[in-house]
Amino acid sequence: MINQTTYKQFLIAVFSLSSIVAMKIHSLPTGNIREAAVVPNFSAPALSKASVAKATENSKTSLNAVLNAAPAPFKRRGSMSAFLTAIAKRESNNDPTKVNYLGMMGKYQFSHGTLKRLGYDVTREQFLNDSELQDTAMMDNLRYNYQHLYPIIRTYGNTWKDGIYITTAGILAGAHLVGIGGVKTFFYPDQYNYRTVDGNGVSVGDYIQQFAGYRISLK
């Protein structure tokens, strides 16, 4: 048989587990989940060690079932090369010669201003006819954005915001869409007021979500 102190410790453990389970259930997206309140009988006789062990194990099993029922944030989607290919596919259907109605160029849809900021002094024809140059410019732009957005990546990486799972790849994709200012506004709307959609009405949140999970390597 166990003493009263052990019994109290057991009750505290059960209440702690129940609180965690309740909070986890509350955060799940599914509805109509009822929580059953368990009121202990403080006049109950002392419990055996076997009963305590069984009850504790049952609590752990129930908690694990709830945790495992939570949806996975995302599946890892691939390498740096796969990330670049996915961006190019979304931006231009991977067409290095494409120029859209806003004048954005190449498979990653760069503006003249962005290329100039990155130090590229090339004509439109030179840029459109050199797919490898476009890849190099994209890598330079990703490095630039990573450097300026590192505090946000460090703070929000692998967390949830507004129902979106945040990763380095998603943040960098978002910066490619709307610039550094747009990403800052997404995370700190009370401090910044940059645009968070591009000229086609695509939001930075869409890109942060769509491109989450790629393995980023900027060497």
Protein backbone atom coordinates (compact mmCIF):
# COMPACT_ATOMS: atom_id res chain seq x y z
CA MET A 1 0.00 0.00 0.00
CA ILE A 2 1.13 3.62 -0.55
CA ASN A 3 1.09 6.46 1.98
CA GLN A 4 -0.93 9.68 1.85
CA THR A 5 2.00 11.72 0.46
CA THR A 6 2.39 9.38 -2.49
CA TYR A 7 -1.36 9.50 -3.07
CA LYS A 8 -1.30 13.31 -3.18
CA GLN A 9 1.63 13.24 -5.61
CA PHE A 10 -0.35 10.89 -7.80
CA LEU A 11 -3.35 13.23 -7.79
CA ILE A 12 -1.14 16.20 -8.73
CA ALA A 13 0.34 14.19 -11.61
CA VAL A 14 -3.12 13.20 -12.86
CA PHE A 15 -4.36 16.79 -12.68
CA SER A 16 -1.28 18.01 -14.58
CA LEU A 17 -1.78 15.45 -17.31
CA SER A 18 -5.50 16.29 -17.49
CA SER A 19 -4.68 19.98 -17.94
CA ILE A 20 -2.25 19.26 -20.74
CA VAL A 21 -4.76 16.99 -22.48
CA ALA A 22 -7.50 19.60 -22.14
CA MET A 23 -5.30 22.32 -23.62
CA LYS A 24 -4.22 20.05 -26.48
CA ILE A 25 -7.81 19.08 -27.26
CA HIS A 26 -8.83 22.73 -27.20
CA SER A 27 -6.15 23.55 -29.79
CA LEU A 28 -7.19 20.83 -32.20
CA PRO A 29 -9.09 21.93 -35.32
CA THR A 30 -11.78 19.30 -34.97
CA GLY A 31 -15.02 20.28 -33.26
CA ASN A 32 -17.49 18.81 -30.82
CA ILE A 33 -14.90 17.44 -28.40
CA ARG A 34 -16.28 17.16 -24.91
CA GLU A 35 -14.04 17.18 -21.87
CA ALA A 36 -15.11 14.90 -19.05
CA ALA A 37 -14.50 16.37 -15.60
CA VAL A 38 -13.08 13.88 -13.12
CA VAL A 39 -13.67 14.72 -9.48
CA PRO A 40 -11.51 12.63 -7.17
CA ASN A 41 -12.96 11.06 -4.06
CA PHE A 42 -10.68 12.29 -1.30
CA SER A 43 -12.24 9.83 1.13
CA ALA A 44 -11.27 6.88 -1.01
CA PRO A 45 -9.08 4.23 0.58
CA ALA A 46 -5.36 4.18 -0.09
CA LEU A 47 -4.40 2.94 -3.53
CA SER A 48 -2.00 0.14 -4.22
CA LYS A 49 1.21 0.81 -6.14
CA ALA A 50 -0.13 -1.36 -8.96
CA SER A 51 -3.26 0.80 -9.23
CA VAL A 52 -1.19 3.98 -9.28
CA ALA A 53 1.08 2.59 -11.99
CA LYS A 54 -1.88 1.46 -14.11
CA ALA A 55 -3.71 4.79 -13.77
CA THR A 56 -0.57 6.74 -14.62
CA GLU A 57 0.08 4.56 -17.67
CA ASN A 58 -3.52 5.03 -18.84
CA SER A 59 -3.12 8.79 -18.51
CA LYS A 60 0.07 8.70 -20.56
CA THR A 61 -1.65 6.56 -23.20
CA SER A 62 -4.55 9.00 -23.47
CA LEU A 63 -2.17 11.96 -23.70
CA ASN A 64 -0.10 10.29 -26.41
CA ALA A 65 -3.27 9.55 -28.38
CA VAL A 66 -4.20 13.22 -28.33
CA LEU A 67 -0.71 14.38 -29.25
CA ASN A 68 -0.47 11.91 -32.12
CA ALA A 69 -3.87 13.03 -33.41
CA ALA A 70 -2.55 16.56 -34.00
CA PRO A 71 -1.78 17.18 -37.67
CA ALA A 72 1.87 17.29 -38.71
CA PRO A 73 2.88 20.84 -39.69
CA PHE A 74 4.30 19.82 -43.06
CA LYS A 75 6.37 17.24 -44.83
CA ARG A 76 9.96 18.01 -45.70
CA ARG A 77 9.85 18.78 -49.38
CA GLY A 78 13.37 18.50 -50.69
CA SER A 79 16.73 20.09 -51.29
CA MET A 80 17.84 23.59 -52.18
CA SER A 81 17.66 22.64 -55.85
CA ALA A 82 14.07 21.49 -55.40
CA PHE A 83 13.25 24.78 -53.69
CA LEU A 84 14.63 26.82 -56.60
CA THR A 85 12.74 24.68 -59.08
CA ALA A 86 9.50 25.11 -57.13
CA ILE A 87 9.91 28.89 -56.99
CA ALA A 88 10.65 29.07 -60.72
CA LYS A 89 7.66 26.85 -61.47
CA ARG A 90 5.35 29.11 -59.48
CA GLU A 91 6.79 32.37 -60.82
CA SER A 92 7.05 31.63 -64.53
CA ASN A 93 6.39 27.95 -65.16
CA ASN A 94 10.20 27.71 -65.15
CA ASP A 95 10.54 29.83 -68.28
CA PRO A 96 13.82 31.84 -68.27
CA THR A 97 12.61 34.03 -71.17
CA LYS A 98 9.32 35.13 -69.62
CA VAL A 99 8.53 38.82 -69.09
CA ASN A 100 5.18 39.56 -67.47
CA TYR A 101 2.95 42.60 -67.89
CA LEU A 102 4.70 44.33 -64.98
CA GLY A 103 8.12 43.90 -66.57
CA MET A 104 9.29 41.14 -64.22
CA MET A 105 11.89 39.03 -65.96
CA GLY A 106 13.07 35.45 -66.18
CA LYS A 107 12.12 32.26 -64.44
CA TYR A 108 12.24 33.91 -61.00
CA GLN A 109 10.57 37.14 -62.21
CA PHE A 110 13.15 39.71 -61.16
CA SER A 111 12.62 43.43 -61.43
CA HIS A 112 15.30 45.78 -62.79
CA GLY A 113 15.45 47.42 -59.36
CA THR A 114 16.23 44.16 -57.55
CA LEU A 115 18.95 43.25 -60.04
CA LYS A 116 20.50 46.69 -59.67
CA ARG A 117 20.44 46.39 -55.88
CA LEU A 118 22.24 43.07 -56.15
CA GLY A 119 24.92 44.63 -58.35
CA TYR A 120 23.91 43.23 -61.74
CA ASP A 121 24.47 45.62 -64.63
CA VAL A 122 22.96 43.66 -67.51
CA THR A 123 20.45 44.36 -70.22
CA ARG A 124 17.10 42.62 -70.29
CA GLU A 125 18.22 40.54 -73.28
CA GLN A 126 21.41 39.44 -71.52
CA PHE A 127 19.49 38.41 -68.44
CA LEU A 128 16.74 36.54 -70.29
CA ASN A 129 19.23 34.63 -72.42
CA ASP A 130 21.31 33.37 -69.48
CA SER A 131 19.52 30.85 -67.27
CA GLU A 132 22.61 30.28 -65.12
CA LEU A 133 22.89 34.02 -64.48
CA GLN A 134 19.31 33.97 -63.26
CA ASP A 135 20.13 31.15 -60.85
CA THR A 136 23.13 33.09 -59.54
CA ALA A 137 21.03 36.22 -59.07
CA MET A 138 18.42 34.21 -57.22
CA MET A 139 21.01 32.78 -54.83
CA ASP A 140 22.42 36.27 -54.21
CA ASN A 141 18.94 37.58 -53.50
CA LEU A 142 18.22 34.73 -51.08
CA ARG A 143 21.47 35.43 -49.22
CA TYR A 144 20.64 39.13 -49.03
CA ASN A 145 17.16 38.46 -47.71
CA TYR A 146 18.41 35.86 -45.23
CA GLN A 147 20.92 38.33 -43.81
CA HIS A 148 18.30 41.02 -43.29
CA LEU A 149 15.57 38.67 -42.05
CA TYR A 150 17.68 36.50 -39.77
CA PRO A 151 16.18 37.97 -36.57
CA ILE A 152 12.70 36.95 -37.76
CA ILE A 153 13.94 33.51 -38.87
CA ARG A 154 15.56 33.00 -35.47
CA THR A 155 12.46 34.16 -33.58
CA TYR A 156 9.68 32.51 -35.60
CA GLY A 157 11.33 29.54 -37.29
CA ASN A 158 9.49 26.26 -36.63
CA THR A 159 6.55 27.99 -34.95
CA TRP A 160 2.97 28.73 -35.98
CA LYS A 161 1.62 32.16 -36.95
CA ASP A 162 -1.91 32.82 -38.17
CA GLY A 163 -2.36 29.12 -38.93
CA ILE A 164 0.85 28.97 -41.01
CA TYR A 165 3.89 26.91 -40.07
CA ILE A 166 6.97 29.14 -40.33
CA THR A 167 10.24 27.92 -41.82
CA THR A 168 13.34 29.54 -43.29
CA ALA A 169 12.34 28.46 -46.79
CA GLY A 170 8.88 29.96 -46.43
CA ILE A 171 10.21 33.27 -45.13
CA LEU A 172 12.72 33.54 -47.98
CA ALA A 173 10.03 32.70 -50.53
CA GLY A 174 7.82 35.38 -49.02
CA ALA A 175 10.64 37.92 -49.26
CA HIS A 176 11.13 37.05 -52.91
CA LEU A 177 7.46 37.78 -53.50
CA VAL A 178 7.02 41.08 -51.64
CA GLY A 179 10.44 42.06 -50.37
CA ILE A 180 11.90 42.30 -46.89
CA GLY A 181 9.42 44.98 -45.84
CA GLY A 182 6.43 42.83 -46.70
CA VAL A 183 7.76 39.99 -44.55
CA LYS A 184 8.37 42.34 -41.65
CA THR A 185 4.83 43.64 -41.97
CA PHE A 186 3.47 40.08 -41.93
CA PHE A 187 5.19 39.36 -38.62
CA TYR A 188 4.97 42.84 -37.09
CA PRO A 189 1.88 44.56 -38.54
CA ASP A 190 1.86 47.12 -35.72
CA GLN A 191 5.39 48.27 -36.56
CA TYR A 192 5.50 48.17 -40.37
CA ASN A 193 3.15 49.04 -43.20
CA TYR A 194 4.72 47.60 -46.35
CA ARG A 195 2.62 45.80 -48.95
CA THR A 196 2.07 42.11 -48.25
CA VAL A 197 0.69 41.16 -51.68
CA ASP A 198 2.35 41.30 -55.08
CA GLY A 199 1.02 42.89 -58.26
CA ASN A 200 -1.08 39.82 -58.97
CA GLY A 201 -2.73 39.82 -55.56
CA VAL A 202 -0.73 36.88 -54.17
CA SER A 203 -0.10 37.28 -50.44
CA VAL A 204 3.13 36.77 -48.57
CA GLY A 205 1.32 34.30 -46.32
CA ASP A 206 0.54 32.13 -49.34
CA TYR A 207 4.23 31.90 -50.22
CA ILE A 208 5.36 31.34 -46.64
CA GLN A 209 2.94 28.42 -46.45
CA GLN A 210 3.46 26.99 -49.93
CA PHE A 211 7.25 26.88 -49.74
CA ALA A 212 7.66 25.77 -46.13
CA GLY A 213 9.88 22.82 -45.41
CA TYR A 214 12.59 22.90 -48.09
CA ARG A 215 16.15 22.47 -46.87
CA ILE A 216 17.93 25.77 -47.43
CA SER A 217 21.67 25.94 -48.15
CA LEU A 218 23.12 29.35 -49.03
CA LYS A 219 26.83 28.50 -49.27
